[in-house]
C-alpha atoms as a PDB file:
ATOM      1  CA  UNK A   1      -3.250  11.516   4.627  1.00  0.00           C
ATOM      2  CA  UNK A   2      -2.892   9.325   8.065  1.00  0.00           C
ATOM      3  CA  UNK A   3      -4.083   5.575   8.537  1.00  0.00           C
ATOM      4  CA  UNK A   4      -6.614   4.244  11.098  1.00  0.00           C
ATOM      5  CA  UNK A   5      -4.085   3.835  14.014  1.00  0.00           C
ATOM      6  CA  UNK A   6      -3.032   7.003  13.779  1.00  0.00           C
ATOM      7  CA  UNK A   7      -6.307   8.819  13.965  1.00  0.00           C
ATOM      8  CA  UNK A   8      -7.258   6.300  16.628  1.00  0.00           C
ATOM      9  CA  UNK A   9      -4.163   7.383  18.910  1.00  0.00           C
ATOM     10  CA  UNK A  10      -2.748  10.597  18.279  1.00  0.00           C
ATOM     11  CA  UNK A  11      -4.596  12.454  15.785  1.00  0.00           C
ATOM     12  CA  UNK A  12      -6.018  14.735  17.744  1.00  0.00           C
ATOM     13  CA  UNK A  13      -3.187  16.136  19.452  1.00  0.00           C
ATOM     14  CA  UNK A  14      -1.621  16.417  16.430  1.00  0.00           C
ATOM     15  CA  UNK A  15      -4.376  18.324  14.373  1.00  0.00           C
ATOM     16  CA  UNK A  16      -4.070  21.055  17.538  1.00  0.00           C
ATOM     17  CA  UNK A  17      -0.441  21.445  17.416  1.00  0.00           C
ATOM     18  CA  UNK A  18      -0.759  22.088  13.568  1.00  0.00           C
ATOM     19  CA  UNK A  19      -3.464  24.628  13.948  1.00  0.00           C
ATOM     20  CA  UNK A  20      -1.517  26.568  16.540  1.00  0.00           C
ATOM     21  CA  UNK A  21       1.966  26.184  14.115  1.00  0.00           C
ATOM     22  CA  UNK A  22      -0.275  26.970  11.162  1.00  0.00           C
ATOM     23  CA  UNK A  23      -3.076  28.710  11.515  1.00  0.00           C
ATOM     24  CA  UNK A  24      -3.722  29.569   8.462  1.00  0.00           C
ATOM     25  CA  UNK A  25      -3.391  26.448   6.505  1.00  0.00           C
ATOM     26  CA  UNK A  26      -6.706  24.014   6.253  1.00  0.00           C
ATOM     27  CA  UNK A  27      -6.445  20.151   6.250  1.00  0.00           C
ATOM     28  CA  UNK A  28      -7.962  17.788   3.991  1.00  0.00           C
ATOM     29  CA  UNK A  29      -7.753  14.760   5.796  1.00  0.00           C
ATOM     30  CA  UNK A  30      -7.431  11.642   4.374  1.00  0.00           C
ATOM     31  CA  UNK A  31      -7.558   8.348   6.478  1.00  0.00           C
ATOM     32  CA  UNK A  32      -6.785   5.079   4.713  1.00  0.00           C
ATOM     33  CA  UNK A  33      -4.781   1.725   4.455  1.00  0.00           C
ATOM     34  CA  UNK A  34      -1.397   2.707   3.941  1.00  0.00           C
ATOM     35  CA  UNK A  35      -0.808   1.531   0.580  1.00  0.00           C
ATOM     36  CA  UNK A  36      -3.335   3.895  -0.036  1.00  0.00           C
ATOM     37  CA  UNK A  37      -1.593   6.489   1.049  1.00  0.00           C
ATOM     38  CA  UNK A  38       1.296   5.970  -0.619  1.00  0.00           C
ATOM     39  CA  UNK A  39      -0.435   6.094  -4.262  1.00  0.00           C
ATOM     40  CA  UNK A  40      -2.161   8.967  -2.704  1.00  0.00           C
ATOM     41  CA  UNK A  41       1.410  10.284  -1.883  1.00  0.00           C
ATOM     42  CA  UNK A  42       2.435   9.884  -5.143  1.00  0.00           C
ATOM     43  CA  UNK A  43      -0.203  10.841  -7.322  1.00  0.00           C
ATOM     44  CA  UNK A  44       0.290  14.014  -5.604  1.00  0.00           C
ATOM     45  CA  UNK A  45      -3.387  13.718  -3.676  1.00  0.00           C
ATOM     46  CA  UNK A  46      -2.185  14.280  -0.476  1.00  0.00           C
ATOM     47  CA  UNK A  47       0.858  16.498   0.474  1.00  0.00           C
ATOM     48  CA  UNK A  48       2.423  14.632   3.419  1.00  0.00           C
ATOM     49  CA  UNK A  49       1.009  10.879   4.399  1.00  0.00           C
ATOM     50  CA  UNK A  50       1.557   9.500   8.012  1.00  0.00           C
ATOM     51  CA  UNK A  51       1.774   5.757   7.758  1.00  0.00           C
ATOM     52  CA  UNK A  52       3.445   2.695   8.321  1.00  0.00           C
ATOM     53  CA  UNK A  53       6.229   0.326   6.188  1.00  0.00           C
ATOM     54  CA  UNK A  54       7.020  -1.371   4.251  1.00  0.00           C
ATOM     55  CA  UNK A  55       7.108   0.847   1.377  1.00  0.00           C
ATOM     56  CA  UNK A  56       7.076  -0.075  -2.222  1.00  0.00           C
ATOM     57  CA  UNK A  57       8.646   3.564  -3.678  1.00  0.00           C
ATOM     58  CA  UNK A  58      11.417   6.024  -1.850  1.00  0.00           C
ATOM     59  CA  UNK A  59       9.975   9.351  -0.659  1.00  0.00           C
ATOM     60  CA  UNK A  60      12.625  12.511  -0.891  1.00  0.00           C
ATOM     61  CA  UNK A  61      11.503  13.900   2.665  1.00  0.00           C
ATOM     62  CA  UNK A  62      10.809  11.196   5.373  1.00  0.00           C
ATOM     63  CA  UNK A  63      10.776  11.814   9.207  1.00  0.00           C
ATOM     64  CA  UNK A  64      10.463   8.786  11.763  1.00  0.00           C
ATOM     65  CA  UNK A  65       7.986   8.817  14.190  1.00  0.00           C
ATOM     66  CA  UNK A  66       8.318   5.973  16.414  1.00  0.00           C
ATOM     67  CA  UNK A  67       7.265   1.989  16.611  1.00  0.00           C
ATOM     68  CA  UNK A  68       3.992   0.507  18.252  1.00  0.00           C
ATOM     69  CA  UNK A  69       4.263  -2.681  18.978  1.00  0.00           C
ATOM     70  CA  UNK A  70       1.136  -4.967  18.095  1.00  0.00           C
ATOM     71  CA  UNK A  71       0.023  -7.890  21.228  1.00  0.00           C
ATOM     72  CA  UNK A  72      -2.794  -9.954  21.199  1.00  0.00           C
ATOM     73  CA  UNK A  73      -5.913  -8.728  23.114  1.00  0.00           C
ATOM     74  CA  UNK A  74      -9.404 -10.941  23.996  1.00  0.00           C
ATOM     75  CA  UNK A  75     -12.376 -10.292  25.948  1.00  0.00           C
ATOM     76  CA  UNK A  76     -12.511 -12.352  29.181  1.00  0.00           C
ATOM     77  CA  UNK A  77     -15.401 -13.660  28.338  1.00  0.00           C
ATOM     78  CA  UNK A  78     -13.365 -16.012  25.668  1.00  0.00           C
ATOM     79  CA  UNK A  79     -11.909 -19.068  27.529  1.00  0.00           C
ATOM     80  CA  UNK A  80      -8.462 -18.585  27.530  1.00  0.00           C
ATOM     81  CA  UNK A  81      -6.220 -19.426  30.394  1.00  0.00           C
ATOM     82  CA  UNK A  82      -4.363 -16.849  32.463  1.00  0.00           C
ATOM     83  CA  UNK A  83      -2.227 -18.981  34.377  1.00  0.00           C
ATOM     84  CA  UNK A  84      -0.079 -20.127  30.918  1.00  0.00           C
ATOM     85  CA  UNK A  85       1.310 -19.303  27.456  1.00  0.00           C
ATOM     86  CA  UNK A  86      -0.947 -20.386  25.634  1.00  0.00           C
ATOM     87  CA  UNK A  87      -0.018 -22.550  22.174  1.00  0.00           C
ATOM     88  CA  UNK A  88      -1.729 -22.257  18.799  1.00  0.00           C
ATOM     89  CA  UNK A  89      -4.323 -24.309  19.337  1.00  0.00           C
ATOM     90  CA  UNK A  90      -5.727 -22.352  21.917  1.00  0.00           C
ATOM     91  CA  UNK A  91      -5.283 -19.577  19.986  1.00  0.00           C
ATOM     92  CA  UNK A  92      -7.025 -21.530  16.894  1.00  0.00           C
ATOM     93  CA  UNK A  93     -10.308 -22.289  18.653  1.00  0.00           C
ATOM     94  CA  UNK A  94     -11.477 -18.636  17.979  1.00  0.00           C
ATOM     95  CA  UNK A  95     -11.367 -16.880  14.910  1.00  0.00           C
ATOM     96  CA  UNK A  96      -8.264 -14.712  14.204  1.00  0.00           C
ATOM     97  CA  UNK A  97      -9.268 -11.693  13.782  1.00  0.00           C
ATOM     98  CA  UNK A  98      -6.428 -10.009  10.989  1.00  0.00           C
ATOM     99  CA  UNK A  99      -5.807  -6.151   9.033  1.00  0.00           C
ATOM    100  CA  UNK A 100      -7.061  -6.451   5.505  1.00  0.00           C
ATOM    101  CA  UNK A 101      -5.808  -9.185   3.750  1.00  0.00           C
ATOM    102  CA  UNK A 102      -2.354  -8.047   0.867  1.00  0.00           C
ATOM    103  CA  UNK A 103      -0.720  -6.095   4.450  1.00  0.00           C
ATOM    104  CA  UNK A 104       2.369  -7.247   6.085  1.00  0.00           C
ATOM    105  CA  UNK A 105       0.823  -8.006   9.687  1.00  0.00           C
ATOM    106  CA  UNK A 106      -1.978 -10.659   7.479  1.00  0.00           C
ATOM    107  CA  UNK A 107       1.040 -11.536   5.755  1.00  0.00           C
ATOM    108  CA  UNK A 108       2.702 -12.500   8.605  1.00  0.00           C
ATOM    109  CA  UNK A 109      -0.694 -13.576  10.594  1.00  0.00           C
ATOM    110  CA  UNK A 110      -1.109 -16.334   7.881  1.00  0.00           C
ATOM    111  CA  UNK A 111       2.244 -17.440   7.893  1.00  0.00           C
ATOM    112  CA  UNK A 112       2.509 -17.811  11.110  1.00  0.00           C
ATOM    113  CA  UNK A 113      -0.908 -20.345  11.651  1.00  0.00           C
ATOM    114  CA  UNK A 114       0.247 -22.258   8.468  1.00  0.00           C
ATOM    115  CA  UNK A 115       3.972 -23.097   9.819  1.00  0.00           C
ATOM    116  CA  UNK A 116       2.235 -24.080  12.938  1.00  0.00           C
ATOM    117  CA  UNK A 117      -0.084 -26.582  10.765  1.00  0.00           C
ATOM    118  CA  UNK A 118      -2.798 -24.938  12.561  1.00  0.00           C
ATOM    119  CA  UNK A 119      -6.471 -24.792  11.065  1.00  0.00           C
ATOM    120  CA  UNK A 120      -7.046 -21.218  12.583  1.00  0.00           C
ATOM    121  CA  UNK A 121      -9.847 -19.077  11.325  1.00  0.00           C
ATOM    122  CA  UNK A 122      -8.725 -15.626   9.873  1.00  0.00           C
ATOM    123  CA  UNK A 123     -11.093 -13.152   9.790  1.00  0.00           C
ATOM    124  CA  UNK A 124      -9.333  -9.819   8.307  1.00  0.00           C
ATOM    125  CA  UNK A 125     -10.262  -6.274   8.311  1.00  0.00           C
ATOM    126  CA  UNK A 126      -9.311  -3.592   6.805  1.00  0.00           C
ATOM    127  CA  UNK A 127     -10.478  -1.216   9.950  1.00  0.00           C
ATOM    128  CA  UNK A 128      -8.471  -1.952  13.068  1.00  0.00           C
ATOM    129  CA  UNK A 129     -11.434  -0.292  14.907  1.00  0.00           C
ATOM    130  CA  UNK A 130     -13.797  -2.851  13.659  1.00  0.00           C
ATOM    131  CA  UNK A 131     -11.299  -5.766  14.779  1.00  0.00           C
ATOM    132  CA  UNK A 132     -10.643  -3.738  18.006  1.00  0.00           C
ATOM    133  CA  UNK A 133     -14.457  -3.809  18.618  1.00  0.00           C
ATOM    134  CA  UNK A 134     -15.440  -7.084  17.983  1.00  0.00           C
ATOM    135  CA  UNK A 135     -12.294  -8.456  19.899  1.00  0.00           C
ATOM    136  CA  UNK A 136     -14.164  -6.277  22.315  1.00  0.00           C
ATOM    137  CA  UNK A 137     -17.536  -8.131  21.871  1.00  0.00           C
ATOM    138  CA  UNK A 138     -15.711 -12.063  22.092  1.00  0.00           C
ATOM    139  CA  UNK A 139     -15.485 -12.207  18.691  1.00  0.00           C
ATOM    140  CA  UNK A 140     -12.131 -13.802  18.557  1.00  0.00           C
ATOM    141  CA  UNK A 141      -8.471 -12.594  19.720  1.00  0.00           C
ATOM    142  CA  UNK A 142      -6.820 -10.003  18.213  1.00  0.00           C
ATOM    143  CA  UNK A 143      -2.840  -8.445  16.812  1.00  0.00           C
ATOM    144  CA  UNK A 144      -3.348  -4.875  17.809  1.00  0.00           C
ATOM    145  CA  UNK A 145      -1.215  -1.991  18.338  1.00  0.00           C
ATOM    146  CA  UNK A 146      -0.728  -1.905  22.049  1.00  0.00           C
ATOM    147  CA  UNK A 147      -1.660   1.898  22.249  1.00  0.00           C
ATOM    148  CA  UNK A 148      -5.234   1.377  20.248  1.00  0.00           C
ATOM    149  CA  UNK A 149      -6.090  -0.479  23.234  1.00  0.00           C
ATOM    150  CA  UNK A 150      -4.521   0.996  25.928  1.00  0.00           C
ATOM    151  CA  UNK A 151      -7.846   2.374  27.339  1.00  0.00           C
ATOM    152  CA  UNK A 152      -9.692  -1.343  26.678  1.00  0.00           C
ATOM    153  CA  UNK A 153      -7.174  -2.831  28.837  1.00  0.00           C
ATOM    154  CA  UNK A 154      -7.376  -0.640  31.419  1.00  0.00           C
ATOM    155  CA  UNK A 155     -10.720  -0.802  31.979  1.00  0.00           C
ATOM    156  CA  UNK A 156     -10.744  -4.725  31.247  1.00  0.00           C
ATOM    157  CA  UNK A 157     -13.086  -5.062  28.806  1.00  0.00           C
ATOM    158  CA  UNK A 158      -9.849  -6.263  27.013  1.00  0.00           C
ATOM    159  CA  UNK A 159      -6.536  -8.359  28.476  1.00  0.00           C
ATOM    160  CA  UNK A 160      -3.352  -8.857  26.679  1.00  0.00           C
ATOM    161  CA  UNK A 161      -2.854 -12.805  26.152  1.00  0.00           C
ATOM    162  CA  UNK A 162      -0.213 -14.681  26.884  1.00  0.00           C
ATOM    163  CA  UNK A 163       1.158 -15.907  23.466  1.00  0.00           C
ATOM    164  CA  UNK A 164       4.801 -16.543  22.916  1.00  0.00           C
ATOM    165  CA  UNK A 165       4.409 -15.117  19.201  1.00  0.00           C
ATOM    166  CA  UNK A 166       3.313 -12.160  17.908  1.00  0.00           C
ATOM    167  CA  UNK A 167       3.239  -9.884  13.985  1.00  0.00           C
ATOM    168  CA  UNK A 168       6.474  -7.662  13.943  1.00  0.00           C
ATOM    169  CA  UNK A 169       6.028  -3.798  15.185  1.00  0.00           C
ATOM    170  CA  UNK A 170       4.728  -1.323  12.833  1.00  0.00           C
ATOM    171  CA  UNK A 171       7.179   1.390  11.955  1.00  0.00           C
ATOM    172  CA  UNK A 172       5.434   4.468  11.039  1.00  0.00           C
ATOM    173  CA  UNK A 173       7.244   7.382   9.036  1.00  0.00           C
ATOM    174  CA  UNK A 174       5.810  10.697   7.940  1.00  0.00           C
ATOM    175  CA  UNK A 175       6.258  10.760   4.171  1.00  0.00           C
ATOM    176  CA  UNK A 176       6.054  13.985   1.463  1.00  0.00           C
ATOM    177  CA  UNK A 177       7.382  14.847  -1.830  1.00  0.00           C
ATOM    178  CA  UNK A 178      10.984  17.381  -0.413  1.00  0.00           C
ATOM    179  CA  UNK A 179      10.492  18.396  -4.057  1.00  0.00           C
ATOM    180  CA  UNK A 180       7.477  19.674  -4.714  1.00  0.00           C
ATOM    181  CA  UNK A 181       5.819  20.304  -0.914  1.00  0.00           C
ATOM    182  CA  UNK A 182       6.076  23.721   0.434  1.00  0.00           C
ATOM    183  CA  UNK A 183       8.180  24.810   3.516  1.00  0.00           C
ATOM    184  CA  UNK A 184       5.125  23.767   6.129  1.00  0.00           C
ATOM    185  CA  UNK A 185       4.763  19.792   5.325  1.00  0.00           C
ATOM    186  CA  UNK A 186       8.287  19.583   6.362  1.00  0.00           C
ATOM    187  CA  UNK A 187       7.380  21.117   9.798  1.00  0.00           C
ATOM    188  CA  UNK A 188       4.605  19.304   9.851  1.00  0.00           C
ATOM    189  CA  UNK A 189       6.575  16.126   9.119  1.00  0.00           C
ATOM    190  CA  UNK A 190       8.658  16.856  12.193  1.00  0.00           C
ATOM    191  CA  UNK A 191       5.816  17.922  14.172  1.00  0.00           C
ATOM    192  CA  UNK A 192       4.360  14.933  14.229  1.00  0.00           C
END
């Protein structure tokens, strides 16, 4: 099981390396939100979850995968200043495209704009690719993993916004049940 951010960044490279290391093992891939992957892992519907925290349960097998910073991005077509840092009011003039309700990232964005007493309109989505596309199509500003929008930044379809606050980084971990998983699962976690 993998999260959407992994699917859109390095899953292909991982799957190639996995196939080379384990040519006789077939993979049934699940792409979902981290909370659902955790449910699947503990109900033994999946053997390995490549996901971001926080987690409600501890896994007996883990391998750290890295941190992914979130950055604010928007289409250059939006009328957002580039010559100065943006204010909360600048940001709130546009819909704020966020992660799905109930995720840590959504809760952080919601808390931030409430603390700033902003009338920002949050638009949650369980699909990061949809949020990225909506931002590219000038439908709002979004806090997305920098790794996920690198091509859009390079092509200038999106630009990074100069806003002083962003949600916490995404911490990714490979998780599995060390007591029941085959040795190849541990090796696959380390490969990730």
